[in-house]
Amino acid sequence: QVQLVESGGGLVQAGGSLRLSCAASGRTFSSNIMGWFRQAPGKQREFVATITWNGGSAYYADSVKGRFTISRDNAKNSVYLQMNSLKPEDTAVYYCAASTAYGLGSSRNLGDYDYWGQGTQVTVSS
């Protein structure tokens, strides 16, 4: 059974930092892209960041570019999201996701990801 388990969410003041982790089990994703998405109350789930299979390239939503950094450790079958200079508008449930498609360099589309974590809440107070 494949599982993605996020951790590291919480409550932080504006300007603070959090580091989210996502550990995969049940299969390896070392040859696949992984990503982070978020969903705020009353809004659709949206793309945050994605990283290539070897960590060589990363892509970000404009709203988080320069503040968030995605990374991965294939030996640990894990992906991370370092979030700095957090803003109240970053408040959301954050989900990690993994694709099983080979040859997919990157994607901002939810439909390209096959496995999802249960989500971790990030709340940024003003």
Foldseek 3Di string as FASTA:
>chain_A
DKAKAKDWADEEAAQAKIKMKIFIDDDAQLQWKKAKWWDDPPGDIFGAKIAFSPRPDMDGDPVQPPFKDKGADRVRSMIMIIGGRDDQVVWTWMKMFIAPDGPDGIDRDPVRTDHIHPTDTHGYHD
